[in-house]
């Protein structure tokens, strides 16, 4: 009897049903918003590649900085600076001190040919680089505070 009442109760209720419809949530399968989805994936891949490239570049720069900060490289930079300073001083003495330095000369520096001459009225400095490009500087003596020894003493 109880089972008959339960059966009657179950069958007496109204039944509601609908078709089962399956849709994919991923835009790759259903096509809805697929272009935005593909652009998002592309952007993620691009930023990841850029991040890896930046990390490699940063590491290479760090290695270069470490190599430039050794005691030996610091010593070599300091020595090179002092040599260039002395060379510049000797060149200036040669150009402006006609009694001791002479009137000119020629030397080669890192593949560049440098010729200088003190004509008495001007200083002519000619630089010919490795490609053969010629640069000529003419500096008048007596202007800009540049003078030979005779003019400065009087």
C-alpha atoms as a PDB file:
ATOM      1  CA  UNK A   1       0.000   0.000   0.000  1.00  0.00           C
ATOM      2  CA  UNK A   2       2.651   2.438   0.841  1.00  0.00           C
ATOM      3  CA  UNK A   3       4.393   1.698  -2.412  1.00  0.00           C
ATOM      4  CA  UNK A   4       1.165   2.365  -4.290  1.00  0.00           C
ATOM      5  CA  UNK A   5       0.812   5.757  -2.608  1.00  0.00           C
ATOM      6  CA  UNK A   6       4.414   6.658  -3.444  1.00  0.00           C
ATOM      7  CA  UNK A   7       3.930   5.555  -7.036  1.00  0.00           C
ATOM      8  CA  UNK A   8       0.785   7.604  -7.318  1.00  0.00           C
ATOM      9  CA  UNK A   9       2.525  10.632  -5.857  1.00  0.00           C
ATOM     10  CA  UNK A  10       5.452  10.367  -8.288  1.00  0.00           C
ATOM     11  CA  UNK A  11       3.271   9.909 -11.361  1.00  0.00           C
ATOM     12  CA  UNK A  12       0.816  12.593 -10.341  1.00  0.00           C
ATOM     13  CA  UNK A  13       3.389  15.401 -10.434  1.00  0.00           C
ATOM     14  CA  UNK A  14       3.687  17.306 -13.708  1.00  0.00           C
ATOM     15  CA  UNK A  15       6.834  16.518 -15.652  1.00  0.00           C
ATOM     16  CA  UNK A  16       8.898  19.242 -17.299  1.00  0.00           C
ATOM     17  CA  UNK A  17      11.693  18.530 -19.761  1.00  0.00           C
ATOM     18  CA  UNK A  18      13.837  20.257 -22.340  1.00  0.00           C
ATOM     19  CA  UNK A  19      16.308  19.255 -24.984  1.00  0.00           C
ATOM     20  CA  UNK A  20      19.879  18.849 -23.822  1.00  0.00           C
ATOM     21  CA  UNK A  21      22.102  21.304 -25.713  1.00  0.00           C
ATOM     22  CA  UNK A  22      25.857  21.118 -25.387  1.00  0.00           C
ATOM     23  CA  UNK A  23      27.976  24.196 -26.206  1.00  0.00           C
ATOM     24  CA  UNK A  24      31.711  24.591 -25.907  1.00  0.00           C
ATOM     25  CA  UNK A  25      32.921  27.328 -23.613  1.00  0.00           C
ATOM     26  CA  UNK A  26      36.242  27.722 -25.387  1.00  0.00           C
ATOM     27  CA  UNK A  27      36.208  30.254 -28.285  1.00  0.00           C
ATOM     28  CA  UNK A  28      38.586  27.953 -30.130  1.00  0.00           C
ATOM     29  CA  UNK A  29      35.761  25.409 -30.545  1.00  0.00           C
ATOM     30  CA  UNK A  30      32.591  27.459 -30.898  1.00  0.00           C
ATOM     31  CA  UNK A  31      33.958  30.475 -32.836  1.00  0.00           C
ATOM     32  CA  UNK A  32      32.276  33.070 -30.624  1.00  0.00           C
ATOM     33  CA  UNK A  33      34.864  35.758 -29.766  1.00  0.00           C
ATOM     34  CA  UNK A  34      37.511  33.613 -31.446  1.00  0.00           C
ATOM     35  CA  UNK A  35      39.490  36.539 -32.876  1.00  0.00           C
ATOM     36  CA  UNK A  36      39.833  38.159 -29.452  1.00  0.00           C
ATOM     37  CA  UNK A  37      40.854  34.806 -28.043  1.00  0.00           C
ATOM     38  CA  UNK A  38      43.514  34.312 -30.712  1.00  0.00           C
ATOM     39  CA  UNK A  39      44.831  37.851 -30.176  1.00  0.00           C
ATOM     40  CA  UNK A  40      45.088  37.231 -26.443  1.00  0.00           C
ATOM     41  CA  UNK A  41      47.055  34.047 -27.003  1.00  0.00           C
ATOM     42  CA  UNK A  42      49.312  35.811 -29.515  1.00  0.00           C
ATOM     43  CA  UNK A  43      49.924  38.683 -27.098  1.00  0.00           C
ATOM     44  CA  UNK A  44      50.825  36.264 -24.296  1.00  0.00           C
ATOM     45  CA  UNK A  45      53.278  34.432 -26.556  1.00  0.00           C
ATOM     46  CA  UNK A  46      54.817  37.705 -27.794  1.00  0.00           C
ATOM     47  CA  UNK A  47      55.283  39.145 -24.308  1.00  0.00           C
ATOM     48  CA  UNK A  48      56.849  35.888 -23.124  1.00  0.00           C
ATOM     49  CA  UNK A  49      59.318  35.883 -26.028  1.00  0.00           C
ATOM     50  CA  UNK A  50      60.124  39.554 -25.341  1.00  0.00           C
ATOM     51  CA  UNK A  51      60.648  38.837 -21.634  1.00  0.00           C
ATOM     52  CA  UNK A  52      63.066  35.997 -22.430  1.00  0.00           C
ATOM     53  CA  UNK A  53      64.962  38.204 -24.918  1.00  0.00           C
ATOM     54  CA  UNK A  54      65.161  41.028 -22.345  1.00  0.00           C
ATOM     55  CA  UNK A  55      66.469  38.633 -19.692  1.00  0.00           C
ATOM     56  CA  UNK A  56      69.181  37.399 -22.075  1.00  0.00           C
ATOM     57  CA  UNK A  57      70.148  40.966 -22.990  1.00  0.00           C
ATOM     58  CA  UNK A  58      70.256  42.022 -19.321  1.00  0.00           C
ATOM     59  CA  UNK A  59      72.469  39.050 -18.476  1.00  0.00           C
ATOM     60  CA  UNK A  60      74.880  39.864 -21.321  1.00  0.00           C
ATOM     61  CA  UNK A  61      75.086  43.494 -20.162  1.00  0.00           C
ATOM     62  CA  UNK A  62      75.730  42.321 -16.609  1.00  0.00           C
ATOM     63  CA  UNK A  63      78.557  40.062 -17.798  1.00  0.00           C
ATOM     64  CA  UNK A  64      80.050  42.966 -19.776  1.00  0.00           C
ATOM     65  CA  UNK A  65      79.837  45.283 -16.751  1.00  0.00           C
ATOM     66  CA  UNK A  66      81.527  42.668 -14.568  1.00  0.00           C
ATOM     67  CA  UNK A  67      84.317  42.306 -17.140  1.00  0.00           C
ATOM     68  CA  UNK A  68      84.798  46.096 -17.271  1.00  0.00           C
ATOM     69  CA  UNK A  69      84.959  46.404 -13.492  1.00  0.00           C
ATOM     70  CA  UNK A  70      87.933  44.134 -12.901  1.00  0.00           C
ATOM     71  CA  UNK A  71      91.041  45.700 -11.401  1.00  0.00           C
ATOM     72  CA  UNK A  72      92.977  45.026 -14.595  1.00  0.00           C
ATOM     73  CA  UNK A  73      90.446  46.802 -16.822  1.00  0.00           C
ATOM     74  CA  UNK A  74      90.321  49.768 -14.422  1.00  0.00           C
ATOM     75  CA  UNK A  75      94.128  49.946 -14.488  1.00  0.00           C
ATOM     76  CA  UNK A  76      94.217  49.797 -18.307  1.00  0.00           C
ATOM     77  CA  UNK A  77      91.590  52.579 -18.645  1.00  0.00           C
ATOM     78  CA  UNK A  78      93.511  54.757 -16.199  1.00  0.00           C
ATOM     79  CA  UNK A  79      96.810  54.122 -18.009  1.00  0.00           C
ATOM     80  CA  UNK A  80      95.262  54.831 -21.408  1.00  0.00           C
ATOM     81  CA  UNK A  81      93.772  58.075 -20.093  1.00  0.00           C
ATOM     82  CA  UNK A  82      97.133  59.205 -18.734  1.00  0.00           C
ATOM     83  CA  UNK A  83      98.921  58.321 -21.986  1.00  0.00           C
ATOM     84  CA  UNK A  84      96.401  60.325 -24.029  1.00  0.00           C
ATOM     85  CA  UNK A  85      96.698  63.208 -21.582  1.00  0.00           C
ATOM     86  CA  UNK A  86     100.497  63.228 -21.888  1.00  0.00           C
ATOM     87  CA  UNK A  87     100.276  62.935 -25.680  1.00  0.00           C
ATOM     88  CA  UNK A  88      97.883  65.880 -25.780  1.00  0.00           C
ATOM     89  CA  UNK A  89     100.167  67.929 -23.525  1.00  0.00           C
ATOM     90  CA  UNK A  90     103.234  67.106 -25.667  1.00  0.00           C
ATOM     91  CA  UNK A  91     101.339  68.018 -28.838  1.00  0.00           C
ATOM     92  CA  UNK A  92     100.189  71.334 -27.368  1.00  0.00           C
ATOM     93  CA  UNK A  93     103.750  72.116 -26.207  1.00  0.00           C
ATOM     94  CA  UNK A  94     105.071  71.314 -29.662  1.00  0.00           C
ATOM     95  CA  UNK A  95     102.490  73.537 -31.339  1.00  0.00           C
ATOM     96  CA  UNK A  96     102.672  76.556 -29.062  1.00  0.00           C
ATOM     97  CA  UNK A  97     106.289  76.536 -27.887  1.00  0.00           C
ATOM     98  CA  UNK A  98     108.288  77.385 -30.983  1.00  0.00           C
ATOM     99  CA  UNK A  99     111.601  77.568 -29.050  1.00  0.00           C
ATOM    100  CA  UNK A 100     111.573  74.059 -27.570  1.00  0.00           C
ATOM    101  CA  UNK A 101     108.871  72.181 -29.423  1.00  0.00           C
ATOM    102  CA  UNK A 102     109.605  72.860 -33.058  1.00  0.00           C
ATOM    103  CA  UNK A 103     107.212  73.879 -35.770  1.00  0.00           C
ATOM    104  CA  UNK A 104     105.315  70.645 -36.409  1.00  0.00           C
ATOM    105  CA  UNK A 105     105.356  66.940 -36.942  1.00  0.00           C
ATOM    106  CA  UNK A 106     103.458  63.801 -37.861  1.00  0.00           C
ATOM    107  CA  UNK A 107     102.347  60.769 -35.895  1.00  0.00           C
ATOM    108  CA  UNK A 108      99.922  57.879 -36.203  1.00  0.00           C
ATOM    109  CA  UNK A 109      97.281  57.211 -33.556  1.00  0.00           C
ATOM    110  CA  UNK A 110      94.973  54.169 -33.794  1.00  0.00           C
ATOM    111  CA  UNK A 111      95.204  54.083 -37.585  1.00  0.00           C
ATOM    112  CA  UNK A 112      94.727  57.845 -38.019  1.00  0.00           C
ATOM    113  CA  UNK A 113      97.548  59.959 -39.441  1.00  0.00           C
ATOM    114  CA  UNK A 114      97.839  63.274 -37.620  1.00  0.00           C
ATOM    115  CA  UNK A 115      99.994  66.069 -39.028  1.00  0.00           C
ATOM    116  CA  UNK A 116     100.463  69.402 -37.256  1.00  0.00           C
ATOM    117  CA  UNK A 117     102.337  72.565 -38.106  1.00  0.00           C
ATOM    118  CA  UNK A 118     102.808  75.970 -36.500  1.00  0.00           C
ATOM    119  CA  UNK A 119     103.233  78.458 -39.368  1.00  0.00           C
ATOM    120  CA  UNK A 120     103.668  81.435 -37.065  1.00  0.00           C
ATOM    121  CA  UNK A 121     100.269  82.914 -37.959  1.00  0.00           C
ATOM    122  CA  UNK A 122      98.169  79.827 -37.528  1.00  0.00           C
ATOM    123  CA  UNK A 123      98.256  76.221 -36.384  1.00  0.00           C
ATOM    124  CA  UNK A 124      97.337  73.700 -39.057  1.00  0.00           C
ATOM    125  CA  UNK A 125      96.138  70.317 -37.827  1.00  0.00           C
ATOM    126  CA  UNK A 126      95.408  67.670 -40.501  1.00  0.00           C
ATOM    127  CA  UNK A 127      93.813  64.361 -39.580  1.00  0.00           C
ATOM    128  CA  UNK A 128      93.498  61.567 -42.136  1.00  0.00           C
ATOM    129  CA  UNK A 129      91.404  58.664 -40.853  1.00  0.00           C
ATOM    130  CA  UNK A 130      91.596  54.986 -41.804  1.00  0.00           C
ATOM    131  CA  UNK A 131      89.155  55.482 -44.701  1.00  0.00           C
ATOM    132  CA  UNK A 132      91.263  58.310 -46.162  1.00  0.00           C
ATOM    133  CA  UNK A 133      88.877  61.085 -45.110  1.00  0.00           C
ATOM    134  CA  UNK A 134      90.872  64.272 -44.539  1.00  0.00           C
ATOM    135  CA  UNK A 135      89.949  66.804 -41.865  1.00  0.00           C
ATOM    136  CA  UNK A 136      91.885  70.050 -41.654  1.00  0.00           C
ATOM    137  CA  UNK A 137      91.734  72.468 -38.733  1.00  0.00           C
ATOM    138  CA  UNK A 138      93.236  75.948 -38.973  1.00  0.00           C
ATOM    139  CA  UNK A 139      93.546  77.801 -35.681  1.00  0.00           C
ATOM    140  CA  UNK A 140      94.721  81.432 -35.907  1.00  0.00           C
ATOM    141  CA  UNK A 141      97.458  82.283 -33.401  1.00  0.00           C
ATOM    142  CA  UNK A 142      96.766  85.340 -31.267  1.00  0.00           C
ATOM    143  CA  UNK A 143      92.987  84.823 -31.096  1.00  0.00           C
ATOM    144  CA  UNK A 144      91.014  82.735 -28.618  1.00  0.00           C
ATOM    145  CA  UNK A 145      93.848  83.103 -26.090  1.00  0.00           C
ATOM    146  CA  UNK A 146      96.241  81.032 -28.233  1.00  0.00           C
ATOM    147  CA  UNK A 147      99.661  82.513 -28.783  1.00  0.00           C
ATOM    148  CA  UNK A 148     103.243  81.539 -29.293  1.00  0.00           C
ATOM    149  CA  UNK A 149     105.767  82.206 -26.504  1.00  0.00           C
ATOM    150  CA  UNK A 150     106.998  85.425 -28.021  1.00  0.00           C
ATOM    151  CA  UNK A 151     103.501  86.919 -28.240  1.00  0.00           C
ATOM    152  CA  UNK A 152     102.433  85.815 -24.725  1.00  0.00           C
ATOM    153  CA  UNK A 153     105.523  87.288 -23.051  1.00  0.00           C
ATOM    154  CA  UNK A 154     105.135  90.760 -24.615  1.00  0.00           C
END
